[in-house]
Amino acid sequence: MISHPGHGIRRHPPTCWTYKRDKASWEKGQGEGKGQEDPSAKELKALEGDWKVVGLEEGGRKASEDDVKAMRWTFRGSEMQGMNPGEKAGDKCKVKIDPSKGPKHIDLTTLEGELKGKTLEGIYKLEDDRLTICLRDEKAPEKGRPTEFTAEKGSSQGVITLERVKK
């Protein structure tokens, strides 16, 4: 009931609306009180942590198990740093990804050292605790981003396979 001055009491029929929640949108973060996370940020969180190199191929040649056994990559936020056996930590790289592309895109821009400012364009796939990255050599940027996970002779591409280090 609503009271109006000078008119006494006026009765209005109750107003009622019924809403139906779209379950799919709600689960994707569209629901009330739940913000939608940027797909790139979500994917970077999935890469977070330490990874050991289990495979490396370049120019049609595969590295031996001994060559890669102590190699590591560490992702922290939007940065990555590699470690080769017996060497100091490698140069840090800024990681930029686009998981909406097919195959997913990754760019590694060197933040320090001899290759500072150079960007390696690549593609990646993340399957459970296995990460596969194919990168174009920094000396052949004119060839563009790789489109397949190959490292054939003359392709100027390298494929690195990593497995998450279990704590």
N, C-alpha and C. Protein backbone atom coordinates (compact mmCIF):
# COMPACT_ATOMS: atom_id res chain seq x y z
N MET A 1 0.84 -1.19 0.00
CA MET A 1 0.00 0.00 0.00
C MET A 1 0.88 1.24 0.00
N ILE A 2 0.42 2.23 -0.70
CA ILE A 2 1.15 3.49 -0.76
C ILE A 2 0.20 4.59 -0.33
N SER A 3 0.65 5.47 0.54
CA SER A 3 -0.18 6.57 1.00
C SER A 3 0.17 7.81 0.20
N HIS A 4 -0.85 8.49 -0.32
CA HIS A 4 -0.64 9.74 -1.07
C HIS A 4 -1.32 10.86 -0.30
N PRO A 5 -0.59 11.95 -0.05
CA PRO A 5 -1.20 13.05 0.71
C PRO A 5 -2.46 13.55 0.00
N GLY A 6 -3.49 13.75 0.75
CA GLY A 6 -4.72 14.30 0.21
C GLY A 6 -5.58 13.29 -0.52
N HIS A 7 -5.10 12.11 -0.74
CA HIS A 7 -5.89 11.12 -1.48
C HIS A 7 -6.22 9.91 -0.62
N GLY A 8 -5.81 9.95 0.60
CA GLY A 8 -6.06 8.82 1.45
C GLY A 8 -5.13 7.68 1.08
N ILE A 9 -5.60 6.50 1.29
CA ILE A 9 -4.79 5.33 1.00
C ILE A 9 -5.20 4.77 -0.34
N ARG A 10 -4.25 4.56 -1.18
CA ARG A 10 -4.50 4.01 -2.51
C ARG A 10 -3.85 2.65 -2.59
N ARG A 11 -4.57 1.71 -3.05
CA ARG A 11 -4.04 0.36 -3.16
C ARG A 11 -3.62 0.10 -4.60
N HIS A 12 -2.40 -0.46 -4.75
CA HIS A 12 -1.89 -0.85 -6.07
C HIS A 12 -1.72 -2.35 -6.05
N PRO A 13 -1.95 -2.96 -7.16
CA PRO A 13 -1.70 -4.40 -7.18
C PRO A 13 -0.22 -4.65 -6.98
N PRO A 14 0.12 -5.72 -6.28
CA PRO A 14 1.54 -6.00 -6.07
C PRO A 14 2.25 -6.23 -7.40
N THR A 15 3.47 -5.76 -7.46
CA THR A 15 4.28 -5.98 -8.65
C THR A 15 5.28 -7.07 -8.33
N CYS A 16 5.40 -8.02 -9.23
CA CYS A 16 6.28 -9.15 -9.00
C CYS A 16 6.94 -9.54 -10.31
N TRP A 17 8.25 -9.75 -10.26
CA TRP A 17 8.96 -10.22 -11.42
C TRP A 17 9.59 -11.56 -11.10
N THR A 18 9.70 -12.40 -12.09
CA THR A 18 10.38 -13.69 -11.92
C THR A 18 11.57 -13.70 -12.85
N TYR A 19 12.73 -14.02 -12.27
CA TYR A 19 13.95 -14.09 -13.06
C TYR A 19 14.41 -15.53 -13.12
N LYS A 20 14.96 -15.87 -14.25
CA LYS A 20 15.53 -17.20 -14.40
C LYS A 20 17.01 -17.02 -14.71
N ARG A 21 17.86 -17.67 -13.95
CA ARG A 21 19.30 -17.58 -14.13
C ARG A 21 19.72 -18.53 -15.24
N ASP A 22 20.52 -18.01 -16.17
CA ASP A 22 21.10 -18.84 -17.22
C ASP A 22 22.30 -19.55 -16.59
N LYS A 23 22.16 -20.86 -16.35
CA LYS A 23 23.17 -21.62 -15.63
C LYS A 23 24.54 -21.56 -16.32
N ALA A 24 24.58 -21.66 -17.64
CA ALA A 24 25.86 -21.64 -18.37
C ALA A 24 26.57 -20.31 -18.15
N SER A 25 25.84 -19.19 -18.24
CA SER A 25 26.45 -17.88 -18.03
C SER A 25 26.93 -17.73 -16.59
N TRP A 26 26.14 -18.21 -15.66
CA TRP A 26 26.52 -18.14 -14.25
C TRP A 26 27.82 -18.86 -14.00
N GLU A 27 27.95 -20.06 -14.55
CA GLU A 27 29.15 -20.85 -14.34
C GLU A 27 30.38 -20.23 -15.00
N LYS A 28 30.18 -19.47 -16.06
CA LYS A 28 31.30 -18.81 -16.74
C LYS A 28 31.70 -17.53 -16.03
N GLY A 29 31.01 -17.18 -14.93
CA GLY A 29 31.37 -15.97 -14.20
C GLY A 29 30.50 -14.78 -14.51
N GLN A 30 29.38 -14.99 -15.19
CA GLN A 30 28.50 -13.89 -15.53
C GLN A 30 27.51 -13.61 -14.42
N GLY A 31 27.40 -14.50 -13.47
CA GLY A 31 26.41 -14.37 -12.41
C GLY A 31 26.71 -13.23 -11.48
N GLU A 32 25.70 -12.85 -10.73
CA GLU A 32 25.81 -11.76 -9.79
C GLU A 32 26.85 -12.07 -8.73
N GLY A 33 27.71 -11.11 -8.45
CA GLY A 33 28.71 -11.29 -7.41
C GLY A 33 29.93 -12.08 -7.84
N LYS A 34 30.00 -12.45 -9.08
CA LYS A 34 31.13 -13.26 -9.53
C LYS A 34 31.72 -12.60 -10.77
N GLY A 35 32.93 -12.05 -10.66
CA GLY A 35 33.55 -11.36 -11.79
C GLY A 35 34.11 -12.34 -12.81
N GLN A 36 34.14 -11.90 -14.04
CA GLN A 36 34.68 -12.75 -15.10
C GLN A 36 36.19 -12.54 -15.18
N GLU A 37 36.94 -13.62 -15.10
CA GLU A 37 38.40 -13.54 -15.15
C GLU A 37 38.87 -13.52 -16.59
N ASP A 38 39.85 -12.68 -16.86
CA ASP A 38 40.45 -12.59 -18.18
C ASP A 38 41.05 -13.95 -18.54
N PRO A 39 40.72 -14.51 -19.72
CA PRO A 39 41.25 -15.82 -20.11
C PRO A 39 42.78 -15.88 -20.10
N SER A 40 43.44 -14.80 -20.50
CA SER A 40 44.91 -14.78 -20.49
C SER A 40 45.45 -14.87 -19.06
N ALA A 41 44.83 -14.14 -18.14
CA ALA A 41 45.26 -14.17 -16.74
C ALA A 41 45.05 -15.57 -16.16
N LYS A 42 43.94 -16.18 -16.50
CA LYS A 42 43.65 -17.53 -16.00
C LYS A 42 44.69 -18.53 -16.53
N GLU A 43 45.04 -18.38 -17.80
CA GLU A 43 46.01 -19.29 -18.41
C GLU A 43 47.41 -19.07 -17.83
N LEU A 44 47.77 -17.81 -17.57
CA LEU A 44 49.07 -17.53 -16.94
C LEU A 44 49.15 -18.17 -15.55
N LYS A 45 48.02 -18.17 -14.83
CA LYS A 45 47.99 -18.83 -13.53
C LYS A 45 48.23 -20.33 -13.68
N ALA A 46 47.71 -20.90 -14.76
CA ALA A 46 47.89 -22.34 -15.01
C ALA A 46 49.36 -22.67 -15.32
N LEU A 47 50.11 -21.71 -15.87
CA LEU A 47 51.52 -21.93 -16.19
C LEU A 47 52.43 -21.70 -14.98
N GLU A 48 51.92 -21.02 -13.98
CA GLU A 48 52.69 -20.65 -12.80
C GLU A 48 53.43 -21.84 -12.20
N GLY A 49 54.72 -21.65 -11.89
CA GLY A 49 55.50 -22.67 -11.21
C GLY A 49 56.73 -23.11 -11.98
N ASP A 50 57.29 -24.24 -11.53
CA ASP A 50 58.53 -24.77 -12.10
C ASP A 50 58.24 -25.91 -13.06
N TRP A 51 58.98 -25.91 -14.17
CA TRP A 51 58.82 -26.91 -15.22
C TRP A 51 60.19 -27.47 -15.58
N LYS A 52 60.28 -28.78 -15.77
CA LYS A 52 61.54 -29.37 -16.23
C LYS A 52 61.40 -29.67 -17.73
N VAL A 53 62.49 -29.45 -18.44
CA VAL A 53 62.52 -29.72 -19.88
C VAL A 53 62.68 -31.22 -20.07
N VAL A 54 61.77 -31.82 -20.85
CA VAL A 54 61.85 -33.26 -21.12
C VAL A 54 62.08 -33.54 -22.60
N GLY A 55 62.02 -32.51 -23.42
CA GLY A 55 62.29 -32.67 -24.84
C GLY A 55 62.64 -31.34 -25.48
N LEU A 56 63.58 -31.40 -26.41
CA LEU A 56 64.02 -30.20 -27.10
C LEU A 56 64.44 -30.60 -28.50
N GLU A 57 63.88 -29.90 -29.50
CA GLU A 57 64.20 -30.19 -30.89
C GLU A 57 64.35 -28.88 -31.64
N GLU A 58 65.39 -28.84 -32.49
CA GLU A 58 65.64 -27.64 -33.29
C GLU A 58 66.36 -28.05 -34.57
N GLY A 59 65.92 -27.49 -35.68
CA GLY A 59 66.58 -27.77 -36.96
C GLY A 59 66.61 -29.24 -37.33
N GLY A 60 65.58 -29.97 -36.93
CA GLY A 60 65.51 -31.38 -37.26
C GLY A 60 66.32 -32.28 -36.34
N ARG A 61 66.96 -31.71 -35.31
CA ARG A 61 67.77 -32.50 -34.38
C ARG A 61 67.13 -32.47 -32.99
N LYS A 62 67.08 -33.65 -32.36
CA LYS A 62 66.55 -33.75 -31.01
C LYS A 62 67.71 -33.79 -30.02
N ALA A 63 67.54 -33.06 -28.92
CA ALA A 63 68.55 -33.08 -27.86
C ALA A 63 68.43 -34.41 -27.10
N SER A 64 69.56 -34.89 -26.57
CA SER A 64 69.55 -36.13 -25.80
C SER A 64 68.96 -35.88 -24.42
N GLU A 65 68.59 -36.96 -23.74
CA GLU A 65 68.08 -36.86 -22.38
C GLU A 65 69.09 -36.19 -21.47
N ASP A 66 70.35 -36.53 -21.64
CA ASP A 66 71.41 -35.93 -20.82
C ASP A 66 71.51 -34.42 -21.04
N ASP A 67 71.28 -33.99 -22.29
CA ASP A 67 71.37 -32.56 -22.60
C ASP A 67 70.30 -31.74 -21.89
N VAL A 68 69.12 -32.33 -21.67
CA VAL A 68 68.01 -31.56 -21.12
C VAL A 68 67.68 -31.87 -19.67
N LYS A 69 68.35 -32.87 -19.09
CA LYS A 69 67.91 -33.35 -17.77
C LYS A 69 67.93 -32.30 -16.67
N ALA A 70 68.78 -31.31 -16.72
CA ALA A 70 68.82 -30.29 -15.67
C ALA A 70 68.24 -28.95 -16.13
N MET A 71 67.66 -28.90 -17.32
CA MET A 71 67.07 -27.66 -17.81
C MET A 71 65.72 -27.42 -17.13
N ARG A 72 65.48 -26.17 -16.75
CA ARG A 72 64.24 -25.80 -16.07
C ARG A 72 63.71 -24.47 -16.62
N TRP A 73 62.40 -24.31 -16.57
CA TRP A 73 61.75 -23.03 -16.83
C TRP A 73 60.88 -22.74 -15.63
N THR A 74 60.86 -21.48 -15.20
CA THR A 74 60.01 -21.07 -14.09
C THR A 74 59.14 -19.91 -14.54
N PHE A 75 57.84 -20.07 -14.35
CA PHE A 75 56.87 -19.01 -14.66
C PHE A 75 56.40 -18.39 -13.36
N ARG A 76 56.48 -17.06 -13.27
CA ARG A 76 55.98 -16.30 -12.12
C ARG A 76 55.21 -15.11 -12.69
N GLY A 77 53.91 -15.13 -12.54
CA GLY A 77 53.09 -14.05 -13.09
C GLY A 77 53.27 -14.00 -14.59
N SER A 78 53.65 -12.85 -15.10
CA SER A 78 53.83 -12.70 -16.56
C SER A 78 55.31 -12.75 -16.95
N GLU A 79 56.14 -13.38 -16.10
CA GLU A 79 57.56 -13.54 -16.42
C GLU A 79 57.97 -15.00 -16.40
N MET A 80 58.99 -15.31 -17.19
CA MET A 80 59.55 -16.65 -17.27
C MET A 80 61.06 -16.52 -17.23
N GLN A 81 61.71 -17.51 -16.57
CA GLN A 81 63.16 -17.54 -16.55
C GLN A 81 63.60 -18.99 -16.72
N GLY A 82 64.56 -19.19 -17.62
CA GLY A 82 65.08 -20.52 -17.88
C GLY A 82 66.38 -20.76 -17.12
N MET A 83 66.71 -22.04 -16.98
CA MET A 83 67.96 -22.42 -16.31
C MET A 83 68.54 -23.59 -17.08
N ASN A 84 69.78 -23.41 -17.56
CA ASN A 84 70.49 -24.48 -18.25
C ASN A 84 71.44 -25.16 -17.28
N PRO A 85 71.74 -26.44 -17.50
CA PRO A 85 72.61 -27.16 -16.58
C PRO A 85 73.98 -26.51 -16.44
N GLY A 86 74.42 -26.35 -15.19
CA GLY A 86 75.75 -25.83 -14.94
C GLY A 86 75.93 -24.36 -15.20
N GLU A 87 74.88 -23.65 -15.53
CA GLU A 87 74.97 -22.22 -15.82
C GLU A 87 74.16 -21.43 -14.81
N LYS A 88 74.43 -20.13 -14.77
CA LYS A 88 73.60 -19.27 -13.93
C LYS A 88 72.23 -19.15 -14.59
N ALA A 89 71.29 -18.61 -13.85
CA ALA A 89 69.93 -18.45 -14.38
C ALA A 89 69.96 -17.68 -15.70
N GLY A 90 69.12 -18.07 -16.61
CA GLY A 90 69.03 -17.41 -17.90
C GLY A 90 68.33 -16.06 -17.79
N ASP A 91 68.24 -15.37 -18.90
CA ASP A 91 67.61 -14.06 -18.94
C ASP A 91 66.11 -14.20 -18.69
N LYS A 92 65.56 -13.22 -17.98
CA LYS A 92 64.12 -13.19 -17.75
C LYS A 92 63.41 -12.74 -19.01
N CYS A 93 62.22 -13.28 -19.19
CA CYS A 93 61.39 -12.91 -20.34
C CYS A 93 60.00 -12.51 -19.87
N LYS A 94 59.44 -11.54 -20.54
CA LYS A 94 58.03 -11.20 -20.32
C LYS A 94 57.22 -12.16 -21.17
N VAL A 95 56.18 -12.73 -20.57
CA VAL A 95 55.33 -13.70 -21.26
C VAL A 95 54.01 -13.03 -21.61
N LYS A 96 53.65 -13.12 -22.87
CA LYS A 96 52.35 -12.63 -23.32
C LYS A 96 51.68 -13.80 -24.04
N ILE A 97 50.45 -14.12 -23.64
CA ILE A 97 49.75 -15.24 -24.26
C ILE A 97 48.38 -14.81 -24.76
N ASP A 98 47.90 -15.55 -25.73
CA ASP A 98 46.54 -15.36 -26.23
C ASP A 98 45.92 -16.74 -26.41
N PRO A 99 45.20 -17.22 -25.37
CA PRO A 99 44.62 -18.55 -25.44
C PRO A 99 43.39 -18.64 -26.35
N SER A 100 42.94 -17.51 -26.89
CA SER A 100 41.76 -17.54 -27.76
C SER A 100 42.12 -17.95 -29.19
N LYS A 101 43.39 -17.92 -29.53
CA LYS A 101 43.84 -18.29 -30.88
C LYS A 101 43.96 -19.80 -31.00
N GLY A 102 43.94 -20.28 -32.22
CA GLY A 102 44.12 -21.71 -32.46
C GLY A 102 45.22 -21.90 -33.50
N PRO A 103 46.37 -22.46 -33.12
CA PRO A 103 46.81 -22.81 -31.78
C PRO A 103 47.06 -21.57 -30.92
N LYS A 104 47.09 -21.78 -29.61
CA LYS A 104 47.28 -20.68 -28.67
C LYS A 104 48.62 -19.99 -28.93
N HIS A 105 48.63 -18.65 -28.78
CA HIS A 105 49.83 -17.85 -29.04
C HIS A 105 50.60 -17.56 -27.76
N ILE A 106 51.92 -17.54 -27.89
CA ILE A 106 52.80 -17.12 -26.80
C ILE A 106 53.91 -16.26 -27.39
N ASP A 107 54.22 -15.17 -26.71
CA ASP A 107 55.35 -14.32 -27.08
C ASP A 107 56.25 -14.21 -25.86
N LEU A 108 57.55 -14.42 -26.06
CA LEU A 108 58.54 -14.27 -25.00
C LEU A 108 59.45 -13.11 -25.39
N THR A 109 59.40 -12.04 -24.62
CA THR A 109 60.23 -10.86 -24.87
C THR A 109 61.32 -10.81 -23.81
N THR A 110 62.57 -10.86 -24.25
CA THR A 110 63.72 -10.87 -23.34
C THR A 110 63.84 -9.52 -22.65
N LEU A 111 63.96 -9.55 -21.31
CA LEU A 111 64.00 -8.33 -20.52
C LEU A 111 65.41 -7.88 -20.15
N GLU A 112 66.40 -8.73 -20.41
CA GLU A 112 67.78 -8.41 -20.01
C GLU A 112 68.75 -9.17 -20.90
N GLY A 113 70.00 -8.84 -20.76
CA GLY A 113 71.04 -9.59 -21.46
C GLY A 113 71.20 -9.23 -22.92
N GLU A 114 71.91 -10.08 -23.62
CA GLU A 114 72.28 -9.87 -25.02
C GLU A 114 71.08 -9.70 -25.96
N LEU A 115 70.00 -10.41 -25.67
CA LEU A 115 68.83 -10.36 -26.54
C LEU A 115 67.73 -9.43 -26.00
N LYS A 116 68.08 -8.51 -25.09
CA LYS A 116 67.11 -7.62 -24.48
C LYS A 116 66.24 -6.95 -25.55
N GLY A 117 64.93 -7.03 -25.36
CA GLY A 117 63.99 -6.41 -26.28
C GLY A 117 63.56 -7.29 -27.44
N LYS A 118 64.24 -8.40 -27.66
CA LYS A 118 63.88 -9.33 -28.75
C LYS A 118 62.67 -10.17 -28.32
N THR A 119 61.75 -10.37 -29.27
CA THR A 119 60.56 -11.17 -28.99
C THR A 119 60.56 -12.42 -29.85
N LEU A 120 60.36 -13.55 -29.19
CA LEU A 120 60.21 -14.82 -29.88
C LEU A 120 58.72 -15.12 -29.95
N GLU A 121 58.21 -15.22 -31.17
CA GLU A 121 56.80 -15.55 -31.35
C GLU A 121 56.64 -17.05 -31.37
N GLY A 122 55.58 -17.52 -30.76
CA GLY A 122 55.37 -18.96 -30.74
C GLY A 122 53.93 -19.35 -30.53
N ILE A 123 53.77 -20.66 -30.43
CA ILE A 123 52.48 -21.27 -30.13
C ILE A 123 52.70 -22.24 -28.96
N TYR A 124 51.63 -22.56 -28.26
CA TYR A 124 51.79 -23.49 -27.14
C TYR A 124 50.52 -24.30 -26.95
N LYS A 125 50.69 -25.42 -26.26
CA LYS A 125 49.54 -26.20 -25.82
C LYS A 125 49.85 -26.71 -24.42
N LEU A 126 48.84 -26.65 -23.58
CA LEU A 126 48.95 -27.08 -22.19
C LEU A 126 47.97 -28.22 -21.99
N GLU A 127 48.52 -29.39 -21.70
CA GLU A 127 47.71 -30.58 -21.50
C GLU A 127 48.08 -31.18 -20.15
N ASP A 128 47.20 -30.97 -19.17
CA ASP A 128 47.45 -31.40 -17.80
C ASP A 128 48.77 -30.80 -17.32
N ASP A 129 49.76 -31.63 -17.01
CA ASP A 129 51.05 -31.14 -16.51
C ASP A 129 52.14 -31.18 -17.57
N ARG A 130 51.75 -31.08 -18.83
CA ARG A 130 52.70 -31.07 -19.94
C ARG A 130 52.46 -29.81 -20.78
N LEU A 131 53.54 -29.08 -21.00
CA LEU A 131 53.50 -27.84 -21.77
C LEU A 131 54.41 -27.99 -22.97
N THR A 132 53.86 -27.77 -24.16
CA THR A 132 54.65 -27.84 -25.39
C THR A 132 54.63 -26.46 -26.03
N ILE A 133 55.83 -25.96 -26.36
CA ILE A 133 55.96 -24.62 -26.94
C ILE A 133 56.79 -24.74 -28.21
N CYS A 134 56.32 -24.10 -29.26
CA CYS A 134 57.08 -24.01 -30.51
C CYS A 134 57.37 -22.53 -30.75
N LEU A 135 58.66 -22.20 -30.85
CA LEU A 135 59.09 -20.81 -31.00
C LEU A 135 59.84 -20.61 -32.31
N ARG A 136 59.67 -19.43 -32.87
CA ARG A 136 60.43 -19.01 -34.05
C ARG A 136 61.75 -18.42 -33.57
N ASP A 137 62.84 -18.76 -34.21
CA ASP A 137 64.16 -18.22 -33.90
C ASP A 137 64.13 -16.70 -34.06
N GLU A 138 64.80 -16.00 -33.13
CA GLU A 138 64.82 -14.53 -33.18
C GLU A 138 65.51 -14.00 -34.43
N LYS A 139 66.30 -14.83 -35.13
CA LYS A 139 67.00 -14.40 -36.33
C LYS A 139 66.12 -14.50 -37.58
N ALA A 140 64.90 -15.04 -37.43
CA ALA A 140 64.02 -15.20 -38.60
C ALA A 140 62.61 -14.68 -38.33
N PRO A 141 62.48 -13.45 -37.80
CA PRO A 141 61.14 -12.94 -37.49
C PRO A 141 60.26 -12.75 -38.73
N GLU A 142 60.90 -12.59 -39.88
CA GLU A 142 60.14 -12.39 -41.12
C GLU A 142 59.29 -13.60 -41.48
N LYS A 143 59.64 -14.77 -40.92
CA LYS A 143 58.87 -15.99 -41.20
C LYS A 143 57.57 -16.05 -40.40
N GLY A 144 57.43 -15.14 -39.43
CA GLY A 144 56.20 -15.06 -38.66
C GLY A 144 56.07 -16.15 -37.61
N ARG A 145 54.93 -16.13 -36.97
CA ARG A 145 54.64 -17.07 -35.89
C ARG A 145 54.49 -18.48 -36.44
N PRO A 146 55.01 -19.48 -35.74
CA PRO A 146 54.81 -20.87 -36.18
C PRO A 146 53.30 -21.19 -36.20
N THR A 147 52.93 -22.14 -37.02
CA THR A 147 51.53 -22.57 -37.08
C THR A 147 51.38 -24.03 -36.70
N GLU A 148 52.51 -24.75 -36.65
CA GLU A 148 52.51 -26.16 -36.28
C GLU A 148 53.64 -26.43 -35.30
N PHE A 149 53.50 -27.48 -34.51
CA PHE A 149 54.51 -27.87 -33.53
C PHE A 149 55.56 -28.75 -34.20
N THR A 150 56.39 -28.11 -35.03
CA THR A 150 57.44 -28.82 -35.75
C THR A 150 58.75 -28.05 -35.62
N ALA A 151 59.86 -28.76 -35.82
CA ALA A 151 61.18 -28.14 -35.77
C ALA A 151 62.06 -28.74 -36.85
N GLU A 152 61.53 -28.79 -38.05
CA GLU A 152 62.26 -29.39 -39.17
C GLU A 152 63.45 -28.54 -39.57
N LYS A 153 64.40 -29.16 -40.19
CA LYS A 153 65.59 -28.47 -40.69
C LYS A 153 65.15 -27.34 -41.61
N GLY A 154 65.73 -26.16 -41.39
CA GLY A 154 65.42 -25.00 -42.22
C GLY A 154 64.16 -24.24 -41.83
N SER A 155 63.45 -24.71 -40.82
CA SER A 155 62.19 -24.06 -40.42
C SER A 155 62.41 -22.85 -39.50
N SER A 156 63.60 -22.72 -38.93
CA SER A 156 63.89 -21.67 -37.95
C SER A 156 62.95 -21.75 -36.76
N GLN A 157 62.53 -22.98 -36.43
CA GLN A 157 61.64 -23.20 -35.30
C GLN A 157 62.26 -24.20 -34.34
N GLY A 158 61.89 -24.08 -33.08
CA GLY A 158 62.29 -25.04 -32.07
C GLY A 158 61.08 -25.45 -31.25
N VAL A 159 61.07 -26.70 -30.82
CA VAL A 159 59.98 -27.20 -29.99
C VAL A 159 60.57 -27.64 -28.66
N ILE A 160 59.99 -27.15 -27.60
CA ILE A 160 60.42 -27.52 -26.26
C ILE A 160 59.22 -28.12 -25.53
N THR A 161 59.45 -29.26 -24.89
CA THR A 161 58.40 -29.94 -24.13
C THR A 161 58.80 -29.92 -22.67
N LEU A 162 57.87 -29.49 -21.83
CA LEU A 162 58.14 -29.34 -20.41
C LEU A 162 57.10 -30.10 -19.59
N GLU A 163 57.51 -30.57 -18.43
CA GLU A 163 56.59 -31.20 -17.50
C GLU A 163 56.67 -30.47 -16.17
N ARG A 164 55.50 -30.29 -15.55
CA ARG A 164 55.45 -29.59 -14.28
C ARG A 164 56.23 -30.34 -13.22
N VAL A 165 57.03 -29.61 -12.44
CA VAL A 165 57.78 -30.19 -11.34
C VAL A 165 56.82 -30.34 -10.17
N LYS A 166 56.65 -31.57 -9.73
CA LYS A 166 55.75 -31.86 -8.59
C LYS A 166 56.47 -31.52 -7.30
N LYS A 167 55.76 -30.90 -6.41
CA LYS A 167 56.36 -30.53 -5.11
C LYS A 167 56.13 -31.60 -4.10
